[in-house]
C-alpha atoms as a PDB file:
ATOM      1  CA  UNK A   1      -3.558  19.614 -24.880  1.00  0.00           C
ATOM      2  CA  UNK A   2      -1.687  16.437 -25.685  1.00  0.00           C
ATOM      3  CA  UNK A   3      -3.058  14.865 -22.496  1.00  0.00           C
ATOM      4  CA  UNK A   4      -6.598  15.841 -23.403  1.00  0.00           C
ATOM      5  CA  UNK A   5      -6.469  14.250 -26.846  1.00  0.00           C
ATOM      6  CA  UNK A   6      -4.097  11.353 -26.158  1.00  0.00           C
ATOM      7  CA  UNK A   7      -5.679   7.886 -26.379  1.00  0.00           C
ATOM      8  CA  UNK A   8      -6.617   6.500 -22.957  1.00  0.00           C
ATOM      9  CA  UNK A   9      -4.178   4.017 -21.466  1.00  0.00           C
ATOM     10  CA  UNK A  10      -5.143   0.736 -19.881  1.00  0.00           C
ATOM     11  CA  UNK A  11      -2.821  -1.140 -17.525  1.00  0.00           C
ATOM     12  CA  UNK A  12      -2.143  -4.788 -18.287  1.00  0.00           C
ATOM     13  CA  UNK A  13      -1.751  -7.482 -15.621  1.00  0.00           C
ATOM     14  CA  UNK A  14      -0.757 -10.832 -17.169  1.00  0.00           C
ATOM     15  CA  UNK A  15      -1.674 -13.892 -15.100  1.00  0.00           C
ATOM     16  CA  UNK A  16       0.184 -17.145 -15.746  1.00  0.00           C
ATOM     17  CA  UNK A  17      -2.283 -20.045 -15.748  1.00  0.00           C
ATOM     18  CA  UNK A  18      -1.494 -23.774 -16.000  1.00  0.00           C
ATOM     19  CA  UNK A  19      -1.892 -25.556 -19.327  1.00  0.00           C
ATOM     20  CA  UNK A  20      -4.308 -27.973 -17.630  1.00  0.00           C
ATOM     21  CA  UNK A  21      -7.466 -26.396 -16.238  1.00  0.00           C
ATOM     22  CA  UNK A  22      -7.239 -25.865 -12.473  1.00  0.00           C
ATOM     23  CA  UNK A  23     -10.502 -25.062 -10.706  1.00  0.00           C
ATOM     24  CA  UNK A  24      -8.658 -23.797  -7.608  1.00  0.00           C
ATOM     25  CA  UNK A  25      -6.674 -21.188  -9.540  1.00  0.00           C
ATOM     26  CA  UNK A  26      -9.714 -20.181 -11.587  1.00  0.00           C
ATOM     27  CA  UNK A  27     -11.806 -19.631  -8.464  1.00  0.00           C
ATOM     28  CA  UNK A  28      -9.162 -17.463  -6.769  1.00  0.00           C
ATOM     29  CA  UNK A  29      -8.454 -15.414  -9.905  1.00  0.00           C
ATOM     30  CA  UNK A  30     -12.189 -14.755 -10.255  1.00  0.00           C
ATOM     31  CA  UNK A  31     -12.283 -13.569  -6.630  1.00  0.00           C
ATOM     32  CA  UNK A  32      -9.238 -11.360  -7.230  1.00  0.00           C
ATOM     33  CA  UNK A  33     -10.951  -9.759 -10.211  1.00  0.00           C
ATOM     34  CA  UNK A  34     -13.948  -9.004  -8.005  1.00  0.00           C
ATOM     35  CA  UNK A  35     -11.647  -7.518  -5.351  1.00  0.00           C
ATOM     36  CA  UNK A  36      -9.969  -5.300  -7.964  1.00  0.00           C
ATOM     37  CA  UNK A  37     -13.370  -4.060  -9.134  1.00  0.00           C
ATOM     38  CA  UNK A  38     -14.550  -3.409  -5.574  1.00  0.00           C
ATOM     39  CA  UNK A  39     -11.345  -1.447  -4.993  1.00  0.00           C
ATOM     40  CA  UNK A  40     -12.239   0.975  -7.776  1.00  0.00           C
ATOM     41  CA  UNK A  41     -10.475  -0.566 -10.770  1.00  0.00           C
ATOM     42  CA  UNK A  42     -12.687  -0.838 -13.848  1.00  0.00           C
ATOM     43  CA  UNK A  43     -11.498  -4.356 -14.598  1.00  0.00           C
ATOM     44  CA  UNK A  44     -11.732  -6.517 -17.715  1.00  0.00           C
ATOM     45  CA  UNK A  45     -10.630 -10.151 -17.445  1.00  0.00           C
ATOM     46  CA  UNK A  46      -9.495 -11.420 -20.843  1.00  0.00           C
ATOM     47  CA  UNK A  47      -9.536 -15.207 -20.584  1.00  0.00           C
ATOM     48  CA  UNK A  48      -7.064 -16.432 -23.181  1.00  0.00           C
ATOM     49  CA  UNK A  49      -6.270 -19.583 -21.167  1.00  0.00           C
ATOM     50  CA  UNK A  50      -9.657 -21.340 -21.220  1.00  0.00           C
ATOM     51  CA  UNK A  51      -9.756 -20.868 -17.458  1.00  0.00           C
ATOM     52  CA  UNK A  52     -13.579 -20.646 -17.517  1.00  0.00           C
ATOM     53  CA  UNK A  53     -13.647 -17.520 -15.387  1.00  0.00           C
ATOM     54  CA  UNK A  54     -17.215 -16.691 -16.401  1.00  0.00           C
ATOM     55  CA  UNK A  55     -18.436 -20.126 -15.304  1.00  0.00           C
ATOM     56  CA  UNK A  56     -16.637 -19.722 -11.961  1.00  0.00           C
ATOM     57  CA  UNK A  57     -18.839 -16.672 -11.343  1.00  0.00           C
ATOM     58  CA  UNK A  58     -22.009 -18.492 -12.392  1.00  0.00           C
ATOM     59  CA  UNK A  59     -22.149 -16.766 -15.790  1.00  0.00           C
ATOM     60  CA  UNK A  60     -22.301 -17.985 -19.374  1.00  0.00           C
ATOM     61  CA  UNK A  61     -19.915 -16.680 -22.028  1.00  0.00           C
ATOM     62  CA  UNK A  62     -21.511 -16.901 -25.485  1.00  0.00           C
ATOM     63  CA  UNK A  63     -18.768 -15.498 -27.703  1.00  0.00           C
ATOM     64  CA  UNK A  64     -14.998 -15.482 -28.041  1.00  0.00           C
ATOM     65  CA  UNK A  65     -13.136 -12.338 -29.021  1.00  0.00           C
ATOM     66  CA  UNK A  66     -12.278 -14.138 -32.273  1.00  0.00           C
ATOM     67  CA  UNK A  67     -15.966 -14.087 -33.246  1.00  0.00           C
ATOM     68  CA  UNK A  68     -16.122 -10.352 -32.643  1.00  0.00           C
ATOM     69  CA  UNK A  69     -13.103  -9.850 -34.866  1.00  0.00           C
ATOM     70  CA  UNK A  70     -14.778 -11.876 -37.633  1.00  0.00           C
ATOM     71  CA  UNK A  71     -17.964  -9.841 -37.326  1.00  0.00           C
ATOM     72  CA  UNK A  72     -20.071 -12.688 -35.953  1.00  0.00           C
ATOM     73  CA  UNK A  73     -21.059 -10.475 -33.028  1.00  0.00           C
ATOM     74  CA  UNK A  74     -20.577  -6.915 -31.851  1.00  0.00           C
ATOM     75  CA  UNK A  75     -17.348  -6.433 -29.860  1.00  0.00           C
ATOM     76  CA  UNK A  76     -19.317  -5.295 -26.819  1.00  0.00           C
ATOM     77  CA  UNK A  77     -21.532  -8.415 -27.043  1.00  0.00           C
ATOM     78  CA  UNK A  78     -18.523 -10.661 -26.449  1.00  0.00           C
ATOM     79  CA  UNK A  79     -17.955  -8.998 -23.091  1.00  0.00           C
ATOM     80  CA  UNK A  80     -19.775 -10.672 -20.187  1.00  0.00           C
ATOM     81  CA  UNK A  81     -21.101  -8.315 -17.514  1.00  0.00           C
ATOM     82  CA  UNK A  82     -19.819  -9.814 -14.248  1.00  0.00           C
ATOM     83  CA  UNK A  83     -20.912  -7.044 -11.893  1.00  0.00           C
ATOM     84  CA  UNK A  84     -20.129  -3.389 -11.160  1.00  0.00           C
ATOM     85  CA  UNK A  85     -16.866  -2.389 -12.871  1.00  0.00           C
ATOM     86  CA  UNK A  86     -16.109  -5.984 -13.910  1.00  0.00           C
ATOM     87  CA  UNK A  87     -16.279  -7.630 -17.313  1.00  0.00           C
ATOM     88  CA  UNK A  88     -15.039 -10.896 -18.804  1.00  0.00           C
ATOM     89  CA  UNK A  89     -13.941 -11.409 -22.400  1.00  0.00           C
ATOM     90  CA  UNK A  90     -13.157 -14.993 -23.539  1.00  0.00           C
ATOM     91  CA  UNK A  91     -10.219 -14.928 -25.952  1.00  0.00           C
ATOM     92  CA  UNK A  92      -8.587 -18.367 -26.222  1.00  0.00           C
ATOM     93  CA  UNK A  93      -9.457 -18.669 -29.906  1.00  0.00           C
ATOM     94  CA  UNK A  94      -8.393 -15.081 -30.541  1.00  0.00           C
ATOM     95  CA  UNK A  95      -5.006 -15.836 -28.958  1.00  0.00           C
ATOM     96  CA  UNK A  96      -4.515 -18.902 -31.166  1.00  0.00           C
ATOM     97  CA  UNK A  97      -5.463 -16.969 -34.287  1.00  0.00           C
ATOM     98  CA  UNK A  98      -3.167 -14.055 -33.427  1.00  0.00           C
ATOM     99  CA  UNK A  99      -0.223 -16.416 -32.974  1.00  0.00           C
ATOM    100  CA  UNK A 100      -1.069 -18.214 -36.236  1.00  0.00           C
ATOM    101  CA  UNK A 101      -0.722 -14.821 -37.944  1.00  0.00           C
ATOM    102  CA  UNK A 102       2.638 -14.278 -36.235  1.00  0.00           C
ATOM    103  CA  UNK A 103       1.156 -11.502 -34.087  1.00  0.00           C
ATOM    104  CA  UNK A 104       0.518 -11.084 -30.376  1.00  0.00           C
ATOM    105  CA  UNK A 105      -2.914 -10.711 -28.847  1.00  0.00           C
ATOM    106  CA  UNK A 106      -1.864  -7.612 -26.895  1.00  0.00           C
ATOM    107  CA  UNK A 107      -0.793  -5.899 -30.113  1.00  0.00           C
ATOM    108  CA  UNK A 108      -4.414  -6.176 -31.268  1.00  0.00           C
ATOM    109  CA  UNK A 109      -6.115  -5.154 -28.035  1.00  0.00           C
ATOM    110  CA  UNK A 110      -5.690  -1.463 -28.805  1.00  0.00           C
ATOM    111  CA  UNK A 111      -8.341  -1.907 -31.511  1.00  0.00           C
ATOM    112  CA  UNK A 112     -10.936  -3.057 -28.985  1.00  0.00           C
ATOM    113  CA  UNK A 113     -12.117   0.395 -28.001  1.00  0.00           C
ATOM    114  CA  UNK A 114     -15.789  -0.527 -28.379  1.00  0.00           C
ATOM    115  CA  UNK A 115     -15.526  -3.619 -26.195  1.00  0.00           C
ATOM    116  CA  UNK A 116     -13.347  -1.967 -23.569  1.00  0.00           C
ATOM    117  CA  UNK A 117     -15.483   1.148 -23.353  1.00  0.00           C
ATOM    118  CA  UNK A 118     -18.676  -0.838 -22.799  1.00  0.00           C
ATOM    119  CA  UNK A 119     -20.331  -0.304 -19.401  1.00  0.00           C
ATOM    120  CA  UNK A 120     -18.122   2.515 -18.224  1.00  0.00           C
ATOM    121  CA  UNK A 121     -14.715   1.783 -19.681  1.00  0.00           C
ATOM    122  CA  UNK A 122     -11.657  -0.074 -18.422  1.00  0.00           C
ATOM    123  CA  UNK A 123      -8.656   0.807 -16.272  1.00  0.00           C
ATOM    124  CA  UNK A 124      -7.077  -2.632 -15.912  1.00  0.00           C
ATOM    125  CA  UNK A 125      -6.940  -5.693 -18.156  1.00  0.00           C
ATOM    126  CA  UNK A 126      -6.315  -8.965 -16.315  1.00  0.00           C
ATOM    127  CA  UNK A 127      -4.980 -11.161 -19.120  1.00  0.00           C
ATOM    128  CA  UNK A 128      -5.030 -14.897 -18.369  1.00  0.00           C
ATOM    129  CA  UNK A 129      -2.381 -16.732 -20.382  1.00  0.00           C
ATOM    130  CA  UNK A 130      -1.168 -20.320 -20.725  1.00  0.00           C
ATOM    131  CA  UNK A 131       2.581 -20.645 -20.219  1.00  0.00           C
ATOM    132  CA  UNK A 132       3.219 -21.776 -23.797  1.00  0.00           C
ATOM    133  CA  UNK A 133       1.787 -18.524 -25.157  1.00  0.00           C
ATOM    134  CA  UNK A 134       2.862 -16.082 -22.458  1.00  0.00           C
ATOM    135  CA  UNK A 135       6.270 -14.966 -23.745  1.00  0.00           C
ATOM    136  CA  UNK A 136       4.813 -13.261 -26.798  1.00  0.00           C
ATOM    137  CA  UNK A 137       2.278 -11.367 -24.669  1.00  0.00           C
ATOM    138  CA  UNK A 138       4.080 -10.351 -21.478  1.00  0.00           C
ATOM    139  CA  UNK A 139       5.681  -7.122 -20.313  1.00  0.00           C
ATOM    140  CA  UNK A 140       5.660  -5.656 -16.836  1.00  0.00           C
ATOM    141  CA  UNK A 141       5.014  -7.749 -13.761  1.00  0.00           C
ATOM    142  CA  UNK A 142       3.253 -11.107 -14.051  1.00  0.00           C
ATOM    143  CA  UNK A 143       0.952 -12.601 -11.423  1.00  0.00           C
ATOM    144  CA  UNK A 144       1.413 -16.326 -10.766  1.00  0.00           C
ATOM    145  CA  UNK A 145      -1.225 -18.081  -8.639  1.00  0.00           C
ATOM    146  CA  UNK A 146       0.612 -20.865  -6.781  1.00  0.00           C
ATOM    147  CA  UNK A 147      -0.884 -24.041  -5.332  1.00  0.00           C
ATOM    148  CA  UNK A 148       1.776 -25.263  -2.914  1.00  0.00           C
ATOM    149  CA  UNK A 149       1.193 -29.023  -3.140  1.00  0.00           C
ATOM    150  CA  UNK A 150       4.159 -31.013  -4.458  1.00  0.00           C
ATOM    151  CA  UNK A 151       2.159 -32.128  -7.494  1.00  0.00           C
ATOM    152  CA  UNK A 152       1.336 -28.536  -8.464  1.00  0.00           C
ATOM    153  CA  UNK A 153       4.402 -26.575  -7.349  1.00  0.00           C
ATOM    154  CA  UNK A 154       6.955 -28.294  -9.585  1.00  0.00           C
ATOM    155  CA  UNK A 155       5.088 -27.665 -12.877  1.00  0.00           C
ATOM    156  CA  UNK A 156       4.424 -24.045 -11.866  1.00  0.00           C
ATOM    157  CA  UNK A 157       8.123 -23.375 -11.257  1.00  0.00           C
ATOM    158  CA  UNK A 158       9.054 -24.967 -14.584  1.00  0.00           C
ATOM    159  CA  UNK A 159       6.504 -22.771 -16.340  1.00  0.00           C
ATOM    160  CA  UNK A 160       7.949 -19.625 -14.725  1.00  0.00           C
ATOM    161  CA  UNK A 161      11.449 -20.495 -15.917  1.00  0.00           C
ATOM    162  CA  UNK A 162      10.119 -21.440 -19.360  1.00  0.00           C
ATOM    163  CA  UNK A 163       8.367 -18.092 -19.745  1.00  0.00           C
ATOM    164  CA  UNK A 164      11.298 -16.069 -18.343  1.00  0.00           C
ATOM    165  CA  UNK A 165      13.730 -17.729 -20.750  1.00  0.00           C
ATOM    166  CA  UNK A 166      11.433 -17.199 -23.715  1.00  0.00           C
ATOM    167  CA  UNK A 167      11.011 -13.511 -22.819  1.00  0.00           C
ATOM    168  CA  UNK A 168      14.779 -13.030 -22.690  1.00  0.00           C
ATOM    169  CA  UNK A 169      15.087 -14.578 -26.154  1.00  0.00           C
ATOM    170  CA  UNK A 170      12.201 -12.449 -27.416  1.00  0.00           C
ATOM    171  CA  UNK A 171      13.782  -9.234 -26.187  1.00  0.00           C
ATOM    172  CA  UNK A 172      17.054 -10.097 -27.902  1.00  0.00           C
ATOM    173  CA  UNK A 173      15.388 -10.822 -31.242  1.00  0.00           C
ATOM    174  CA  UNK A 174      12.423  -8.404 -31.239  1.00  0.00           C
ATOM    175  CA  UNK A 175      13.363  -4.866 -30.160  1.00  0.00           C
ATOM    176  CA  UNK A 176      10.024  -3.570 -31.513  1.00  0.00           C
ATOM    177  CA  UNK A 177       7.760  -5.662 -29.297  1.00  0.00           C
ATOM    178  CA  UNK A 178       4.486  -3.682 -28.991  1.00  0.00           C
ATOM    179  CA  UNK A 179       4.452  -3.522 -25.202  1.00  0.00           C
ATOM    180  CA  UNK A 180       7.830  -1.786 -25.214  1.00  0.00           C
ATOM    181  CA  UNK A 181       6.934   0.713 -27.917  1.00  0.00           C
ATOM    182  CA  UNK A 182       5.873   3.254 -25.284  1.00  0.00           C
ATOM    183  CA  UNK A 183       9.116   2.986 -23.359  1.00  0.00           C
ATOM    184  CA  UNK A 184       8.596  -0.225 -21.425  1.00  0.00           C
ATOM    185  CA  UNK A 185      11.896  -1.574 -20.102  1.00  0.00           C
ATOM    186  CA  UNK A 186      13.636  -4.413 -21.914  1.00  0.00           C
ATOM    187  CA  UNK A 187      13.967  -6.706 -18.936  1.00  0.00           C
ATOM    188  CA  UNK A 188      12.622  -9.982 -17.676  1.00  0.00           C
ATOM    189  CA  UNK A 189       9.461  -9.176 -15.706  1.00  0.00           C
ATOM    190  CA  UNK A 190       9.057  -9.933 -12.030  1.00  0.00           C
ATOM    191  CA  UNK A 191       6.860 -12.938 -11.346  1.00  0.00           C
ATOM    192  CA  UNK A 192       4.582 -12.003  -8.443  1.00  0.00           C
ATOM    193  CA  UNK A 193       3.803 -15.197  -6.496  1.00  0.00           C
ATOM    194  CA  UNK A 194       0.322 -15.430  -4.978  1.00  0.00           C
ATOM    195  CA  UNK A 195       0.107 -18.461  -2.682  1.00  0.00           C
ATOM    196  CA  UNK A 196      -3.352 -20.018  -2.492  1.00  0.00           C
ATOM    197  CA  UNK A 197      -4.595 -21.652   0.698  1.00  0.00           C
ATOM    198  CA  UNK A 198      -1.439 -20.817   2.652  1.00  0.00           C
ATOM    199  CA  UNK A 199      -0.778 -18.627   5.673  1.00  0.00           C
ATOM    200  CA  UNK A 200       1.437 -15.564   5.324  1.00  0.00           C
ATOM    201  CA  UNK A 201       4.405 -16.921   7.295  1.00  0.00           C
ATOM    202  CA  UNK A 202       4.669 -20.154   5.342  1.00  0.00           C
ATOM    203  CA  UNK A 203       4.259 -18.250   2.076  1.00  0.00           C
ATOM    204  CA  UNK A 204       7.079 -15.835   2.957  1.00  0.00           C
ATOM    205  CA  UNK A 205       9.410 -18.731   3.771  1.00  0.00           C
ATOM    206  CA  UNK A 206       8.597 -20.581   0.570  1.00  0.00           C
ATOM    207  CA  UNK A 207       8.844 -17.415  -1.548  1.00  0.00           C
ATOM    208  CA  UNK A 208      12.340 -16.758  -0.175  1.00  0.00           C
ATOM    209  CA  UNK A 209      13.448 -20.304  -0.978  1.00  0.00           C
ATOM    210  CA  UNK A 210      12.099 -20.023  -4.507  1.00  0.00           C
ATOM    211  CA  UNK A 211      13.760 -16.638  -5.095  1.00  0.00           C
ATOM    212  CA  UNK A 212      17.160 -18.245  -4.531  1.00  0.00           C
ATOM    213  CA  UNK A 213      16.517 -21.290  -6.699  1.00  0.00           C
ATOM    214  CA  UNK A 214      14.637 -19.930  -9.701  1.00  0.00           C
ATOM    215  CA  UNK A 215      16.385 -18.435 -12.731  1.00  0.00           C
ATOM    216  CA  UNK A 216      13.764 -15.703 -12.889  1.00  0.00           C
ATOM    217  CA  UNK A 217      13.054 -12.656 -10.717  1.00  0.00           C
ATOM    218  CA  UNK A 218      10.233 -13.327  -8.252  1.00  0.00           C
ATOM    219  CA  UNK A 219       8.452 -11.431  -5.479  1.00  0.00           C
ATOM    220  CA  UNK A 220       5.877 -12.328  -2.865  1.00  0.00           C
ATOM    221  CA  UNK A 221       2.513 -10.929  -3.908  1.00  0.00           C
ATOM    222  CA  UNK A 222       0.857 -12.421  -0.852  1.00  0.00           C
ATOM    223  CA  UNK A 223      -1.004 -15.408   0.526  1.00  0.00           C
ATOM    224  CA  UNK A 224      -4.737 -16.037   0.727  1.00  0.00           C
ATOM    225  CA  UNK A 225      -6.871 -18.380   2.768  1.00  0.00           C
ATOM    226  CA  UNK A 226     -10.220 -16.589   2.604  1.00  0.00           C
ATOM    227  CA  UNK A 227     -11.661 -14.109   0.117  1.00  0.00           C
ATOM    228  CA  UNK A 228     -11.071 -10.993   2.233  1.00  0.00           C
ATOM    229  CA  UNK A 229      -7.316 -11.736   2.160  1.00  0.00           C
ATOM    230  CA  UNK A 230      -7.414 -10.521  -1.443  1.00  0.00           C
ATOM    231  CA  UNK A 231      -8.189  -6.882  -0.556  1.00  0.00           C
ATOM    232  CA  UNK A 232      -4.578  -5.847   0.252  1.00  0.00           C
ATOM    233  CA  UNK A 233      -3.306  -7.749  -2.786  1.00  0.00           C
ATOM    234  CA  UNK A 234      -5.766  -5.951  -5.056  1.00  0.00           C
ATOM    235  CA  UNK A 235      -4.567  -2.668  -3.562  1.00  0.00           C
ATOM    236  CA  UNK A 236      -0.904  -3.615  -4.069  1.00  0.00           C
ATOM    237  CA  UNK A 237      -1.471  -4.295  -7.771  1.00  0.00           C
ATOM    238  CA  UNK A 238      -1.886  -0.546  -8.229  1.00  0.00           C
ATOM    239  CA  UNK A 239       1.783  -0.054  -7.357  1.00  0.00           C
ATOM    240  CA  UNK A 240       3.233  -2.770  -9.566  1.00  0.00           C
ATOM    241  CA  UNK A 241       5.135  -1.784 -12.753  1.00  0.00           C
ATOM    242  CA  UNK A 242       2.575  -2.898 -15.314  1.00  0.00           C
ATOM    243  CA  UNK A 243       2.652  -2.441 -19.076  1.00  0.00           C
ATOM    244  CA  UNK A 244       0.252   0.100 -20.556  1.00  0.00           C
ATOM    245  CA  UNK A 245      -1.786  -0.067 -23.739  1.00  0.00           C
ATOM    246  CA  UNK A 246      -3.036   2.961 -25.641  1.00  0.00           C
ATOM    247  CA  UNK A 247      -6.648   2.162 -26.537  1.00  0.00           C
ATOM    248  CA  UNK A 248      -8.120   3.469 -29.783  1.00  0.00           C
ATOM    249  CA  UNK A 249     -11.582   4.896 -29.298  1.00  0.00           C
ATOM    250  CA  UNK A 250     -14.169   4.091 -31.894  1.00  0.00           C
ATOM    251  CA  UNK A 251     -17.893   3.754 -32.038  1.00  0.00           C
ATOM    252  CA  UNK A 252     -19.505   0.335 -31.859  1.00  0.00           C
ATOM    253  CA  UNK A 253     -20.987  -0.832 -35.119  1.00  0.00           C
END
């Protein structure tokens, strides 16, 4: 009976995005979201990093989640329909406002039942986060899209270490973090490295080198050169230890 009446749970996949907009990462993350949806995951991309995911798919996002919270639009209206089993919800302003209140965005997502339930519900939230804001929002594994050029790799590695260190400090000072309330482990998450535009052998070599040099746990999520390379990665996501959110169900206004 408890299972029947328990609130539905949605898995949360945080994605670490660069502070400066990167069209390459945005394009690949958009393709990954499509691959997740094609693989059967009812997927909602919450863009809290101004990554312009909707634009990458040729769509226009009219509202931010913050406007839905203020009542300027219906929660479901802020969600962009991006295809079968795929939605996009811009939330950069909502993230800023949550942090200004001393809260986390994920602690407020449970109240989004109307938006999440639109067009068939949601199994997986892909939450795009800038590094500066990630520590307050992250539990479970984190996906990191990696561009392997020297100009891009260095900043990405610094952001991983920045986020890992901030999470360790958070866990020491905040034992009641909302993502651990349901029994999530108090541990630095694994940063799953997804190498963009690189073959599998080179990616494995680089991932091994990084695992020995970074002060954060990492794993090789995979490497992609063309869109169909994302299919096994989308399938692998289902086995990663992701945080879960209990979603409150309520009727849209």
